[in-house]
Amino acid sequence: MSDHLSPPPAPAPTPAADLWASVDALYGWLDANRPVDGREGLLLRILKLSEEVGEVAEAVIGATGQNPRKGTTHTWDDVQSELCDVAVTALVALRTLTPDAREVFTRHLANVRKRSLGAA
């Protein structure tokens, strides 16, 4: 028998219902720590999305070894992580534009679903 205790089990993943609570919390944290206010701050927050998309591209190039000078530098798990960063950044940017981000997104998603999948 070992003298050390086993580490506690990993916490269960946060339910999807907590997505918007997390977006609100991140929005609040960013607003409390923003170096630039007003319209410029809003535009910079939206531009952050372009930076994150660039990181997805970098990860894909790295995962496929498309840069012969660097070789394979990323994994597909890195690509997944970067895509998640894009999604979070977009939702926080949306929340920055409107306190009704959840409703705006839900309505938009329903329209995209209907347009793409038909009435289901």
PDB file of N, CA and C in Angstrom:
ATOM      1  N   MET A   1       0.837  -1.191   0.000  1.00  0.00           N
ATOM      2  CA  MET A   1       0.000   0.000   0.000  1.00  0.00           C
ATOM      3  C   MET A   1       0.875   1.245   0.000  1.00  0.00           C
ATOM      4  N   SER A   2       0.506   2.205  -0.780  1.00  0.00           N
ATOM      5  CA  SER A   2       1.273   3.431  -0.922  1.00  0.00           C
ATOM      6  C   SER A   2       0.992   4.379   0.234  1.00  0.00           C
ATOM      7  N   ASP A   3       1.998   5.176   0.604  1.00  0.00           N
ATOM      8  CA  ASP A   3       1.838   6.158   1.675  1.00  0.00           C
ATOM      9  C   ASP A   3       1.147   7.431   1.206  1.00  0.00           C
ATOM     10  N   HIS A   4       1.056   7.638  -0.096  1.00  0.00           N
ATOM     11  CA  HIS A   4       0.441   8.875  -0.584  1.00  0.00           C
ATOM     12  C   HIS A   4      -0.995   8.613  -1.034  1.00  0.00           C
ATOM     13  N   LEU A   5      -1.751   9.630  -0.969  1.00  0.00           N
ATOM     14  CA  LEU A   5      -3.154   9.537  -1.379  1.00  0.00           C
ATOM     15  C   LEU A   5      -3.265   9.759  -2.869  1.00  0.00           C
ATOM     16  N   SER A   6      -4.250   9.153  -3.459  1.00  0.00           N
ATOM     17  CA  SER A   6      -4.530   9.391  -4.874  1.00  0.00           C
ATOM     18  C   SER A   6      -5.046  10.805  -5.041  1.00  0.00           C
ATOM     19  N   PRO A   7      -4.733  11.432  -6.175  1.00  0.00           N
ATOM     20  CA  PRO A   7      -5.278  12.778  -6.390  1.00  0.00           C
ATOM     21  C   PRO A   7      -6.792  12.708  -6.502  1.00  0.00           C
ATOM     22  N   PRO A   8      -7.455  13.787  -6.133  1.00  0.00           N
ATOM     23  CA  PRO A   8      -8.916  13.778  -6.246  1.00  0.00           C
ATOM     24  C   PRO A   8      -9.320  13.673  -7.708  1.00  0.00           C
ATOM     25  N   PRO A   9     -10.493  13.137  -7.966  1.00  0.00           N
ATOM     26  CA  PRO A   9     -10.944  13.046  -9.358  1.00  0.00           C
ATOM     27  C   PRO A   9     -11.107  14.437  -9.956  1.00  0.00           C
ATOM     28  N   ALA A  10     -10.909  14.510 -11.267  1.00  0.00           N
ATOM     29  CA  ALA A  10     -11.086  15.790 -11.960  1.00  0.00           C
ATOM     30  C   ALA A  10     -12.534  16.225 -11.840  1.00  0.00           C
ATOM     31  N   PRO A  11     -12.760  17.524 -11.701  1.00  0.00           N
ATOM     32  CA  PRO A  11     -14.151  17.993 -11.618  1.00  0.00           C
ATOM     33  C   PRO A  11     -14.887  17.709 -12.919  1.00  0.00           C
ATOM     34  N   ALA A  12     -16.180  17.517 -12.794  1.00  0.00           N
ATOM     35  CA  ALA A  12     -17.013  17.270 -13.976  1.00  0.00           C
ATOM     36  C   ALA A  12     -17.008  18.515 -14.850  1.00  0.00           C
ATOM     37  N   PRO A  13     -17.098  18.329 -16.165  1.00  0.00           N
ATOM     38  CA  PRO A  13     -17.159  19.503 -17.045  1.00  0.00           C
ATOM     39  C   PRO A  13     -18.346  20.388 -16.680  1.00  0.00           C
ATOM     40  N   THR A  14     -18.154  21.675 -16.851  1.00  0.00           N
ATOM     41  CA  THR A  14     -19.223  22.627 -16.580  1.00  0.00           C
ATOM     42  C   THR A  14     -20.336  22.440 -17.593  1.00  0.00           C
ATOM     43  N   PRO A  15     -21.579  22.376 -17.159  1.00  0.00           N
ATOM     44  CA  PRO A  15     -22.687  22.206 -18.115  1.00  0.00           C
ATOM     45  C   PRO A  15     -22.746  23.365 -19.098  1.00  0.00           C
ATOM     46  N   ALA A  16     -23.242  23.070 -20.280  1.00  0.00           N
ATOM     47  CA  ALA A  16     -23.370  24.093 -21.319  1.00  0.00           C
ATOM     48  C   ALA A  16     -24.210  25.273 -20.847  1.00  0.00           C
ATOM     49  N   ALA A  17     -25.126  25.032 -19.911  1.00  0.00           N
ATOM     50  CA  ALA A  17     -25.971  26.111 -19.405  1.00  0.00           C
ATOM     51  C   ALA A  17     -25.132  27.198 -18.746  1.00  0.00           C
ATOM     52  N   ASP A  18     -23.934  26.854 -18.274  1.00  0.00           N
ATOM     53  CA  ASP A  18     -23.066  27.835 -17.645  1.00  0.00           C
ATOM     54  C   ASP A  18     -22.270  28.647 -18.670  1.00  0.00           C
ATOM     55  N   LEU A  19     -22.432  28.358 -19.947  1.00  0.00           N
ATOM     56  CA  LEU A  19     -21.714  29.083 -20.990  1.00  0.00           C
ATOM     57  C   LEU A  19     -21.928  30.577 -20.858  1.00  0.00           C
ATOM     58  N   TRP A  20     -23.173  30.991 -20.764  1.00  0.00           N
ATOM     59  CA  TRP A  20     -23.459  32.425 -20.736  1.00  0.00           C
ATOM     60  C   TRP A  20     -23.057  33.067 -19.427  1.00  0.00           C
ATOM     61  N   ALA A  21     -23.089  32.324 -18.331  1.00  0.00           N
ATOM     62  CA  ALA A  21     -22.580  32.862 -17.067  1.00  0.00           C
ATOM     63  C   ALA A  21     -21.077  33.095 -17.182  1.00  0.00           C
ATOM     64  N   SER A  22     -20.385  32.182 -17.847  1.00  0.00           N
ATOM     65  CA  SER A  22     -18.943  32.342 -18.058  1.00  0.00           C
ATOM     66  C   SER A  22     -18.655  33.520 -18.975  1.00  0.00           C
ATOM     67  N   VAL A  23     -19.435  33.661 -20.038  1.00  0.00           N
ATOM     68  CA  VAL A  23     -19.262  34.795 -20.956  1.00  0.00           C
ATOM     69  C   VAL A  23     -19.472  36.100 -20.191  1.00  0.00           C
ATOM     70  N   ASP A  24     -20.516  36.169 -19.371  1.00  0.00           N
ATOM     71  CA  ASP A  24     -20.771  37.380 -18.577  1.00  0.00           C
ATOM     72  C   ASP A  24     -19.620  37.661 -17.617  1.00  0.00           C
ATOM     73  N   ALA A  25     -19.098  36.608 -16.973  1.00  0.00           N
ATOM     74  CA  ALA A  25     -17.990  36.789 -16.031  1.00  0.00           C
ATOM     75  C   ALA A  25     -16.733  37.282 -16.751  1.00  0.00           C
ATOM     76  N   LEU A  26     -16.446  36.703 -17.907  1.00  0.00           N
ATOM     77  CA  LEU A  26     -15.277  37.145 -18.677  1.00  0.00           C
ATOM     78  C   LEU A  26     -15.451  38.586 -19.157  1.00  0.00           C
ATOM     79  N   TYR A  27     -16.645  38.910 -19.610  1.00  0.00           N
ATOM     80  CA  TYR A  27     -16.946  40.285 -20.022  1.00  0.00           C
ATOM     81  C   TYR A  27     -16.698  41.250 -18.863  1.00  0.00           C
ATOM     82  N   GLY A  28     -17.204  40.903 -17.693  1.00  0.00           N
ATOM     83  CA  GLY A  28     -17.022  41.753 -16.519  1.00  0.00           C
ATOM     84  C   GLY A  28     -15.559  41.918 -16.145  1.00  0.00           C
ATOM     85  N   TRP A  29     -14.819  40.818 -16.188  1.00  0.00           N
ATOM     86  CA  TRP A  29     -13.397  40.864 -15.860  1.00  0.00           C
ATOM     87  C   TRP A  29     -12.644  41.730 -16.857  1.00  0.00           C
ATOM     88  N   LEU A  30     -12.923  41.539 -18.150  1.00  0.00           N
ATOM     89  CA  LEU A  30     -12.257  42.342 -19.168  1.00  0.00           C
ATOM     90  C   LEU A  30     -12.602  43.822 -19.019  1.00  0.00           C
ATOM     91  N   ASP A  31     -13.862  44.126 -18.755  1.00  0.00           N
ATOM     92  CA  ASP A  31     -14.257  45.525 -18.605  1.00  0.00           C
ATOM     93  C   ASP A  31     -13.588  46.179 -17.401  1.00  0.00           C
ATOM     94  N   ALA A  32     -13.412  45.413 -16.337  1.00  0.00           N
ATOM     95  CA  ALA A  32     -12.773  45.947 -15.134  1.00  0.00           C
ATOM     96  C   ALA A  32     -11.275  46.158 -15.334  1.00  0.00           C
ATOM     97  N   ASN A  33     -10.703  45.501 -16.323  1.00  0.00           N
ATOM     98  CA  ASN A  33      -9.257  45.555 -16.532  1.00  0.00           C
ATOM     99  C   ASN A  33      -8.877  46.093 -17.898  1.00  0.00           C
ATOM    100  N   ARG A  34      -9.759  46.827 -18.535  1.00  0.00           N
ATOM    101  CA  ARG A  34      -9.476  47.315 -19.892  1.00  0.00           C
ATOM    102  C   ARG A  34      -8.568  48.545 -19.828  1.00  0.00           C
ATOM    103  N   PRO A  35      -7.557  48.560 -20.688  1.00  0.00           N
ATOM    104  CA  PRO A  35      -6.677  49.728 -20.729  1.00  0.00           C
ATOM    105  C   PRO A  35      -7.242  50.875 -21.579  1.00  0.00           C
ATOM    106  N   VAL A  36      -8.230  50.550 -22.444  1.00  0.00           N
ATOM    107  CA  VAL A  36      -8.798  51.558 -23.344  1.00  0.00           C
ATOM    108  C   VAL A  36     -10.314  51.489 -23.240  1.00  0.00           C
ATOM    109  N   ASP A  37     -10.952  52.641 -23.066  1.00  0.00           N
ATOM    110  CA  ASP A  37     -12.403  52.713 -22.932  1.00  0.00           C
ATOM    111  C   ASP A  37     -13.062  53.146 -24.237  1.00  0.00           C
ATOM    112  N   GLY A  38     -14.375  53.223 -24.173  1.00  0.00           N
ATOM    113  CA  GLY A  38     -15.155  53.810 -25.247  1.00  0.00           C
ATOM    114  C   GLY A  38     -15.128  53.026 -26.546  1.00  0.00           C
ATOM    115  N   ARG A  39     -15.351  53.770 -27.611  1.00  0.00           N
ATOM    116  CA  ARG A  39     -15.444  53.161 -28.944  1.00  0.00           C
ATOM    117  C   ARG A  39     -14.162  52.415 -29.320  1.00  0.00           C
ATOM    118  N   GLU A  40     -13.019  53.002 -28.992  1.00  0.00           N
ATOM    119  CA  GLU A  40     -11.751  52.357 -29.321  1.00  0.00           C
ATOM    120  C   GLU A  40     -11.611  51.017 -28.583  1.00  0.00           C
ATOM    121  N   GLY A  41     -12.000  50.994 -27.320  1.00  0.00           N
ATOM    122  CA  GLY A  41     -11.957  49.743 -26.559  1.00  0.00           C
ATOM    123  C   GLY A  41     -12.858  48.681 -27.158  1.00  0.00           C
ATOM    124  N   LEU A  42     -14.045  49.095 -27.588  1.00  0.00           N
ATOM    125  CA  LEU A  42     -14.985  48.180 -28.241  1.00  0.00           C
ATOM    126  C   LEU A  42     -14.380  47.616 -29.525  1.00  0.00           C
ATOM    127  N   LEU A  43     -13.826  48.496 -30.344  1.00  0.00           N
ATOM    128  CA  LEU A  43     -13.231  48.044 -31.603  1.00  0.00           C
ATOM    129  C   LEU A  43     -12.046  47.116 -31.363  1.00  0.00           C
ATOM    130  N   LEU A  44     -11.240  47.406 -30.369  1.00  0.00           N
ATOM    131  CA  LEU A  44     -10.102  46.536 -30.061  1.00  0.00           C
ATOM    132  C   LEU A  44     -10.564  45.163 -29.584  1.00  0.00           C
ATOM    133  N   ARG A  45     -11.653  45.142 -28.824  1.00  0.00           N
ATOM    134  CA  ARG A  45     -12.176  43.849 -28.368  1.00  0.00           C
ATOM    135  C   ARG A  45     -12.663  43.021 -29.548  1.00  0.00           C
ATOM    136  N   ILE A  46     -13.292  43.654 -30.513  1.00  0.00           N
ATOM    137  CA  ILE A  46     -13.754  42.943 -31.710  1.00  0.00           C
ATOM    138  C   ILE A  46     -12.562  42.506 -32.559  1.00  0.00           C
ATOM    139  N   LEU A  47     -11.542  43.358 -32.672  1.00  0.00           N
ATOM    140  CA  LEU A  47     -10.346  42.997 -33.438  1.00  0.00           C
ATOM    141  C   LEU A  47      -9.597  41.822 -32.817  1.00  0.00           C
ATOM    142  N   LYS A  48      -9.749  41.618 -31.534  1.00  0.00           N
ATOM    143  CA  LYS A  48      -9.121  40.471 -30.863  1.00  0.00           C
ATOM    144  C   LYS A  48      -9.510  39.172 -31.559  1.00  0.00           C
ATOM    145  N   LEU A  49     -10.688  39.152 -32.136  1.00  0.00           N
ATOM    146  CA  LEU A  49     -11.163  37.978 -32.871  1.00  0.00           C
ATOM    147  C   LEU A  49     -10.233  37.641 -34.035  1.00  0.00           C
ATOM    148  N   SER A  50      -9.755  38.650 -34.746  1.00  0.00           N
ATOM    149  CA  SER A  50      -8.830  38.411 -35.852  1.00  0.00           C
ATOM    150  C   SER A  50      -7.538  37.776 -35.363  1.00  0.00           C
ATOM    151  N   GLU A  51      -7.062  38.218 -34.223  1.00  0.00           N
ATOM    152  CA  GLU A  51      -5.854  37.617 -33.647  1.00  0.00           C
ATOM    153  C   GLU A  51      -6.076  36.137 -33.359  1.00  0.00           C
ATOM    154  N   GLU A  52      -7.215  35.825 -32.772  1.00  0.00           N
ATOM    155  CA  GLU A  52      -7.510  34.425 -32.431  1.00  0.00           C
ATOM    156  C   GLU A  52      -7.657  33.565 -33.681  1.00  0.00           C
ATOM    157  N   VAL A  53      -8.289  34.089 -34.724  1.00  0.00           N
ATOM    158  CA  VAL A  53      -8.422  33.347 -35.980  1.00  0.00           C
ATOM    159  C   VAL A  53      -7.042  33.086 -36.574  1.00  0.00           C
ATOM    160  N   GLY A  54      -6.151  34.064 -36.476  1.00  0.00           N
ATOM    161  CA  GLY A  54      -4.782  33.866 -36.935  1.00  0.00           C
ATOM    162  C   GLY A  54      -4.083  32.742 -36.187  1.00  0.00           C
ATOM    163  N   GLU A  55      -4.381  32.608 -34.912  1.00  0.00           N
ATOM    164  CA  GLU A  55      -3.786  31.526 -34.128  1.00  0.00           C
ATOM    165  C   GLU A  55      -4.328  30.163 -34.562  1.00  0.00           C
ATOM    166  N   VAL A  56      -5.578  30.122 -35.018  1.00  0.00           N
ATOM    167  CA  VAL A  56      -6.113  28.877 -35.588  1.00  0.00           C
ATOM    168  C   VAL A  56      -5.325  28.522 -36.845  1.00  0.00           C
ATOM    169  N   ALA A  57      -5.133  29.506 -37.708  1.00  0.00           N
ATOM    170  CA  ALA A  57      -4.386  29.264 -38.947  1.00  0.00           C
ATOM    171  C   ALA A  57      -2.970  28.785 -38.633  1.00  0.00           C
ATOM    172  N   GLU A  58      -2.320  29.419 -37.681  1.00  0.00           N
ATOM    173  CA  GLU A  58      -0.970  29.010 -37.289  1.00  0.00           C
ATOM    174  C   GLU A  58      -0.957  27.564 -36.792  1.00  0.00           C
ATOM    175  N   ALA A  59      -1.958  27.193 -36.002  1.00  0.00           N
ATOM    176  CA  ALA A  59      -2.026  25.828 -35.474  1.00  0.00           C
ATOM    177  C   ALA A  59      -2.278  24.813 -36.582  1.00  0.00           C
ATOM    178  N   VAL A  60      -3.142  25.154 -37.540  1.00  0.00           N
ATOM    179  CA  VAL A  60      -3.399  24.238 -38.667  1.00  0.00           C
ATOM    180  C   VAL A  60      -2.133  24.054 -39.493  1.00  0.00           C
ATOM    181  N   ILE A  61      -1.462  25.158 -39.789  1.00  0.00           N
ATOM    182  CA  ILE A  61      -0.211  25.071 -40.549  1.00  0.00           C
ATOM    183  C   ILE A  61       0.808  24.240 -39.775  1.00  0.00           C
ATOM    184  N   GLY A  62       0.867  24.449 -38.473  1.00  0.00           N
ATOM    185  CA  GLY A  62       1.792  23.685 -37.642  1.00  0.00           C
ATOM    186  C   GLY A  62       1.424  22.222 -37.520  1.00  0.00           C
ATOM    187  N   ALA A  63       0.138  21.920 -37.479  1.00  0.00           N
ATOM    188  CA  ALA A  63      -0.314  20.526 -37.358  1.00  0.00           C
ATOM    189  C   ALA A  63      -0.102  19.744 -38.646  1.00  0.00           C
ATOM    190  N   THR A  64      -0.123  20.448 -39.760  1.00  0.00           N
ATOM    191  CA  THR A  64       0.053  19.779 -41.057  1.00  0.00           C
ATOM    192  C   THR A  64       1.486  19.868 -41.571  1.00  0.00           C
ATOM    193  N   GLY A  65       2.361  20.555 -40.830  1.00  0.00           N
ATOM    194  CA  GLY A  65       3.751  20.663 -41.228  1.00  0.00           C
ATOM    195  C   GLY A  65       3.954  21.453 -42.506  1.00  0.00           C
ATOM    196  N   GLN A  66       3.081  22.419 -42.771  1.00  0.00           N
ATOM    197  CA  GLN A  66       3.128  23.155 -44.035  1.00  0.00           C
ATOM    198  C   GLN A  66       4.275  24.154 -44.136  1.00  0.00           C
ATOM    199  N   ASN A  67       4.934  24.449 -43.035  1.00  0.00           N
ATOM    200  CA  ASN A  67       6.094  25.339 -43.090  1.00  0.00           C
ATOM    201  C   ASN A  67       7.336  24.452 -43.017  1.00  0.00           C
ATOM    202  N   PRO A  68       8.018  24.235 -44.163  1.00  0.00           N
ATOM    203  CA  PRO A  68       9.154  23.315 -44.174  1.00  0.00           C
ATOM    204  C   PRO A  68      10.300  23.749 -43.252  1.00  0.00           C
ATOM    205  N   ARG A  69      10.397  25.027 -42.995  1.00  0.00           N
ATOM    206  CA  ARG A  69      11.441  25.512 -42.097  1.00  0.00           C
ATOM    207  C   ARG A  69      11.177  25.098 -40.650  1.00  0.00           C
ATOM    208  N   LYS A  70       9.898  25.044 -40.270  1.00  0.00           N
ATOM    209  CA  LYS A  70       9.533  24.721 -38.888  1.00  0.00           C
ATOM    210  C   LYS A  70       9.104  23.274 -38.701  1.00  0.00           C
ATOM    211  N   GLY A  71       8.556  22.664 -39.744  1.00  0.00           N
ATOM    212  CA  GLY A  71       8.059  21.294 -39.603  1.00  0.00           C
ATOM    213  C   GLY A  71       6.746  21.260 -38.834  1.00  0.00           C
ATOM    214  N   THR A  72       6.469  20.132 -38.227  1.00  0.00           N
ATOM    215  CA  THR A  72       5.238  19.965 -37.447  1.00  0.00           C
ATOM    216  C   THR A  72       5.448  20.554 -36.059  1.00  0.00           C
ATOM    217  N   THR A  73       4.690  21.600 -35.764  1.00  0.00           N
ATOM    218  CA  THR A  73       4.872  22.327 -34.506  1.00  0.00           C
ATOM    219  C   THR A  73       3.639  22.307 -33.610  1.00  0.00           C
ATOM    220  N   HIS A  74       2.514  21.840 -34.124  1.00  0.00           N
ATOM    221  CA  HIS A  74       1.259  21.832 -33.376  1.00  0.00           C
ATOM    222  C   HIS A  74       0.573  20.480 -33.548  1.00  0.00           C
ATOM    223  N   THR A  75      -0.432  20.250 -32.725  1.00  0.00           N
ATOM    224  CA  THR A  75      -1.264  19.054 -32.834  1.00  0.00           C
ATOM    225  C   THR A  75      -2.688  19.478 -33.178  1.00  0.00           C
ATOM    226  N   TRP A  76      -3.511  18.503 -33.515  1.00  0.00           N
ATOM    227  CA  TRP A  76      -4.923  18.815 -33.768  1.00  0.00           C
ATOM    228  C   TRP A  76      -5.626  19.209 -32.487  1.00  0.00           C
ATOM    229  N   ASP A  77      -5.115  18.778 -31.338  1.00  0.00           N
ATOM    230  CA  ASP A  77      -5.650  19.267 -30.067  1.00  0.00           C
ATOM    231  C   ASP A  77      -5.390  20.768 -29.927  1.00  0.00           C
ATOM    232  N   ASP A  78      -4.229  21.228 -30.415  1.00  0.00           N
ATOM    233  CA  ASP A  78      -3.948  22.670 -30.409  1.00  0.00           C
ATOM    234  C   ASP A  78      -4.952  23.414 -31.282  1.00  0.00           C
ATOM    235  N   VAL A  79      -5.284  22.841 -32.432  1.00  0.00           N
ATOM    236  CA  VAL A  79      -6.268  23.465 -33.322  1.00  0.00           C
ATOM    237  C   VAL A  79      -7.620  23.560 -32.614  1.00  0.00           C
ATOM    238  N   GLN A  80      -8.017  22.482 -31.957  1.00  0.00           N
ATOM    239  CA  GLN A  80      -9.289  22.501 -31.213  1.00  0.00           C
ATOM    240  C   GLN A  80      -9.285  23.603 -30.163  1.00  0.00           C
ATOM    241  N   SER A  81      -8.198  23.714 -29.433  1.00  0.00           N
ATOM    242  CA  SER A  81      -8.091  24.729 -28.394  1.00  0.00           C
ATOM    243  C   SER A  81      -8.195  26.137 -28.979  1.00  0.00           C
ATOM    244  N   GLU A  82      -7.528  26.354 -30.096  1.00  0.00           N
ATOM    245  CA  GLU A  82      -7.574  27.673 -30.735  1.00  0.00           C
ATOM    246  C   GLU A  82      -8.975  27.989 -31.265  1.00  0.00           C
ATOM    247  N   LEU A  83      -9.660  26.971 -31.790  1.00  0.00           N
ATOM    248  CA  LEU A  83     -11.044  27.193 -32.231  1.00  0.00           C
ATOM    249  C   LEU A  83     -11.940  27.563 -31.055  1.00  0.00           C
ATOM    250  N   CYS A  84     -11.716  26.941 -29.916  1.00  0.00           N
ATOM    251  CA  CYS A  84     -12.482  27.306 -28.717  1.00  0.00           C
ATOM    252  C   CYS A  84     -12.204  28.749 -28.323  1.00  0.00           C
ATOM    253  N   ASP A  85     -10.931  29.164 -28.433  1.00  0.00           N
ATOM    254  CA  ASP A  85     -10.603  30.561 -28.128  1.00  0.00           C
ATOM    255  C   ASP A  85     -11.342  31.517 -29.055  1.00  0.00           C
ATOM    256  N   VAL A  86     -11.478  31.145 -30.328  1.00  0.00           N
ATOM    257  CA  VAL A  86     -12.230  31.980 -31.275  1.00  0.00           C
ATOM    258  C   VAL A  86     -13.684  32.093 -30.823  1.00  0.00           C
ATOM    259  N   ALA A  87     -14.283  30.961 -30.466  1.00  0.00           N
ATOM    260  CA  ALA A  87     -15.693  30.971 -30.054  1.00  0.00           C
ATOM    261  C   ALA A  87     -15.900  31.823 -28.802  1.00  0.00           C
ATOM    262  N   VAL A  88     -15.045  31.658 -27.814  1.00  0.00           N
ATOM    263  CA  VAL A  88     -15.167  32.436 -26.577  1.00  0.00           C
ATOM    264  C   VAL A  88     -14.974  33.922 -26.867  1.00  0.00           C
ATOM    265  N   THR A  89     -13.968  34.244 -27.652  1.00  0.00           N
ATOM    266  CA  THR A  89     -13.700  35.646 -27.981  1.00  0.00           C
ATOM    267  C   THR A  89     -14.878  36.268 -28.714  1.00  0.00           C
ATOM    268  N   ALA A  90     -15.477  35.526 -29.638  1.00  0.00           N
ATOM    269  CA  ALA A  90     -16.637  36.042 -30.373  1.00  0.00           C
ATOM    270  C   ALA A  90     -17.821  36.266 -29.438  1.00  0.00           C
ATOM    271  N   LEU A  91     -18.059  35.337 -28.534  1.00  0.00           N
ATOM    272  CA  LEU A  91     -19.194  35.493 -27.620  1.00  0.00           C
ATOM    273  C   LEU A  91     -18.978  36.651 -26.654  1.00  0.00           C
ATOM    274  N   VAL A  92     -17.752  36.839 -26.194  1.00  0.00           N
ATOM    275  CA  VAL A  92     -17.468  37.974 -25.312  1.00  0.00           C
ATOM    276  C   VAL A  92     -17.604  39.286 -26.089  1.00  0.00           C
ATOM    277  N   ALA A  93     -17.165  39.303 -27.338  1.00  0.00           N
ATOM    278  CA  ALA A  93     -17.334  40.506 -28.155  1.00  0.00           C
ATOM    279  C   ALA A  93     -18.814  40.818 -28.365  1.00  0.00           C
ATOM    280  N   LEU A  94     -19.607  39.779 -28.623  1.00  0.00           N
ATOM    281  CA  LEU A  94     -21.050  39.969 -28.767  1.00  0.00           C
ATOM    282  C   LEU A  94     -21.647  40.519 -27.476  1.00  0.00           C
ATOM    283  N   ARG A  95     -21.208  39.964 -26.336  1.00  0.00           N
ATOM    284  CA  ARG A  95     -21.702  40.439 -25.038  1.00  0.00           C
ATOM    285  C   ARG A  95     -21.299  41.895 -24.809  1.00  0.00           C
ATOM    286  N   THR A  96     -20.156  42.294 -25.336  1.00  0.00           N
ATOM    287  CA  THR A  96     -19.704  43.675 -25.220  1.00  0.00           C
ATOM    288  C   THR A  96     -20.637  44.609 -25.989  1.00  0.00           C
ATOM    289  N   LEU A  97     -21.158  44.131 -27.109  1.00  0.00           N
ATOM    290  CA  LEU A  97     -22.069  44.940 -27.920  1.00  0.00           C
ATOM    291  C   LEU A  97     -23.465  45.023 -27.331  1.00  0.00           C
ATOM    292  N   THR A  98     -23.896  43.952 -26.639  1.00  0.00           N
ATOM    293  CA  THR A  98     -25.260  43.941 -26.113  1.00  0.00           C
ATOM    294  C   THR A  98     -25.367  43.070 -24.865  1.00  0.00           C
ATOM    295  N   PRO A  99     -26.094  43.553 -23.865  1.00  0.00           N
ATOM    296  CA  PRO A  99     -26.346  42.699 -22.701  1.00  0.00           C
ATOM    297  C   PRO A  99     -27.288  41.540 -23.032  1.00  0.00           C
ATOM    298  N   ASP A 100     -27.919  41.604 -24.197  1.00  0.00           N
ATOM    299  CA  ASP A 100     -28.833  40.544 -24.644  1.00  0.00           C
ATOM    300  C   ASP A 100     -28.127  39.548 -25.559  1.00  0.00           C
ATOM    301  N   ALA A 101     -26.831  39.333 -25.347  1.00  0.00           N
ATOM    302  CA  ALA A 101     -26.041  38.473 -26.229  1.00  0.00           C
ATOM    303  C   ALA A 101     -26.633  37.079 -26.354  1.00  0.00           C
ATOM    304  N   ARG A 102     -27.090  36.520 -25.244  1.00  0.00           N
ATOM    305  CA  ARG A 102     -27.645  35.163 -25.288  1.00  0.00           C
ATOM    306  C   ARG A 102     -28.836  35.096 -26.230  1.00  0.00           C
ATOM    307  N   GLU A 103     -29.752  36.044 -26.120  1.00  0.00           N
ATOM    308  CA  GLU A 103     -30.945  36.058 -26.959  1.00  0.00           C
ATOM    309  C   GLU A 103     -30.583  36.331 -28.417  1.00  0.00           C
ATOM    310  N   VAL A 104     -29.661  37.267 -28.635  1.00  0.00           N
ATOM    311  CA  VAL A 104     -29.239  37.594 -30.000  1.00  0.00           C
ATOM    312  C   VAL A 104     -28.617  36.361 -30.651  1.00  0.00           C
ATOM    313  N   PHE A 105     -27.729  35.684 -29.922  1.00  0.00           N
ATOM    314  CA  PHE A 105     -27.066  34.511 -30.468  1.00  0.00           C
ATOM    315  C   PHE A 105     -28.055  33.372 -30.707  1.00  0.00           C
ATOM    316  N   THR A 106     -28.940  33.130 -29.751  1.00  0.00           N
ATOM    317  CA  THR A 106     -29.920  32.054 -29.883  1.00  0.00           C
ATOM    318  C   THR A 106     -30.820  32.283 -31.090  1.00  0.00           C
ATOM    319  N   ARG A 107     -31.269  33.514 -31.269  1.00  0.00           N
ATOM    320  CA  ARG A 107     -32.113  33.859 -32.421  1.00  0.00           C
ATOM    321  C   ARG A 107     -31.335  33.687 -33.736  1.00  0.00           C
ATOM    322  N   HIS A 108     -30.103  34.124 -33.749  1.00  0.00           N
ATOM    323  CA  HIS A 108     -29.287  33.997 -34.955  1.00  0.00           C
ATOM    324  C   HIS A 108     -29.021  32.532 -35.284  1.00  0.00           C
ATOM    325  N   LEU A 109     -28.699  31.750 -34.269  1.00  0.00           N
ATOM    326  CA  LEU A 109     -28.452  30.325 -34.484  1.00  0.00           C
ATOM    327  C   LEU A 109     -29.699  29.632 -35.026  1.00  0.00           C
ATOM    328  N   ALA A 110     -30.856  29.989 -34.505  1.00  0.00           N
ATOM    329  CA  ALA A 110     -32.105  29.403 -35.005  1.00  0.00           C
ATOM    330  C   ALA A 110     -32.301  29.749 -36.484  1.00  0.00           C
ATOM    331  N   ASN A 111     -31.976  30.986 -36.870  1.00  0.00           N
ATOM    332  CA  ASN A 111     -32.100  31.385 -38.278  1.00  0.00           C
ATOM    333  C   ASN A 111     -31.105  30.634 -39.161  1.00  0.00           C
ATOM    334  N   VAL A 112     -29.880  30.473 -38.687  1.00  0.00           N
ATOM    335  CA  VAL A 112     -28.885  29.718 -39.461  1.00  0.00           C
ATOM    336  C   VAL A 112     -29.312  28.260 -39.593  1.00  0.00           C
ATOM    337  N   ARG A 113     -29.809  27.698 -38.502  1.00  0.00           N
ATOM    338  CA  ARG A 113     -30.266  26.307 -38.526  1.00  0.00           C
ATOM    339  C   ARG A 113     -31.412  26.133 -39.519  1.00  0.00           C
ATOM    340  N   LYS A 114     -32.381  27.043 -39.474  1.00  0.00           N
ATOM    341  CA  LYS A 114     -33.527  26.970 -40.376  1.00  0.00           C
ATOM    342  C   LYS A 114     -33.082  27.126 -41.837  1.00  0.00           C
ATOM    343  N   ARG A 115     -32.205  28.095 -42.061  1.00  0.00           N
ATOM    344  CA  ARG A 115     -31.716  28.351 -43.413  1.00  0.00           C
ATOM    345  C   ARG A 115     -30.904  27.162 -43.938  1.00  0.00           C
ATOM    346  N   SER A 116     -30.137  26.534 -43.080  1.00  0.00           N
ATOM    347  CA  SER A 116     -29.260  25.438 -43.510  1.00  0.00           C
ATOM    348  C   SER A 116     -29.918  24.077 -43.483  1.00  0.00           C
ATOM    349  N   LEU A 117     -30.740  23.828 -42.471  1.00  0.00           N
ATOM    350  CA  LEU A 117     -31.308  22.489 -42.278  1.00  0.00           C
ATOM    351  C   LEU A 117     -32.788  22.431 -42.594  1.00  0.00           C
ATOM    352  N   GLY A 118     -33.393  23.563 -42.855  1.00  0.00           N
ATOM    353  CA  GLY A 118     -34.838  23.596 -43.091  1.00  0.00           C
ATOM    354  C   GLY A 118     -35.585  23.559 -41.771  1.00  0.00           C
ATOM    355  N   ALA A 119     -36.877  23.614 -41.862  1.00  0.00           N
ATOM    356  CA  ALA A 119     -37.717  23.554 -40.662  1.00  0.00           C
ATOM    357  C   ALA A 119     -37.602  22.162 -40.068  1.00  0.00           C
ATOM    358  N   ALA A 120     -36.977  22.091 -38.902  1.00  0.00           N
ATOM    359  CA  ALA A 120     -36.788  20.781 -38.253  1.00  0.00           C
ATOM    360  C   ALA A 120     -37.432  20.743 -36.904  1.00  0.00           C
TER     361      ALA A 120
END
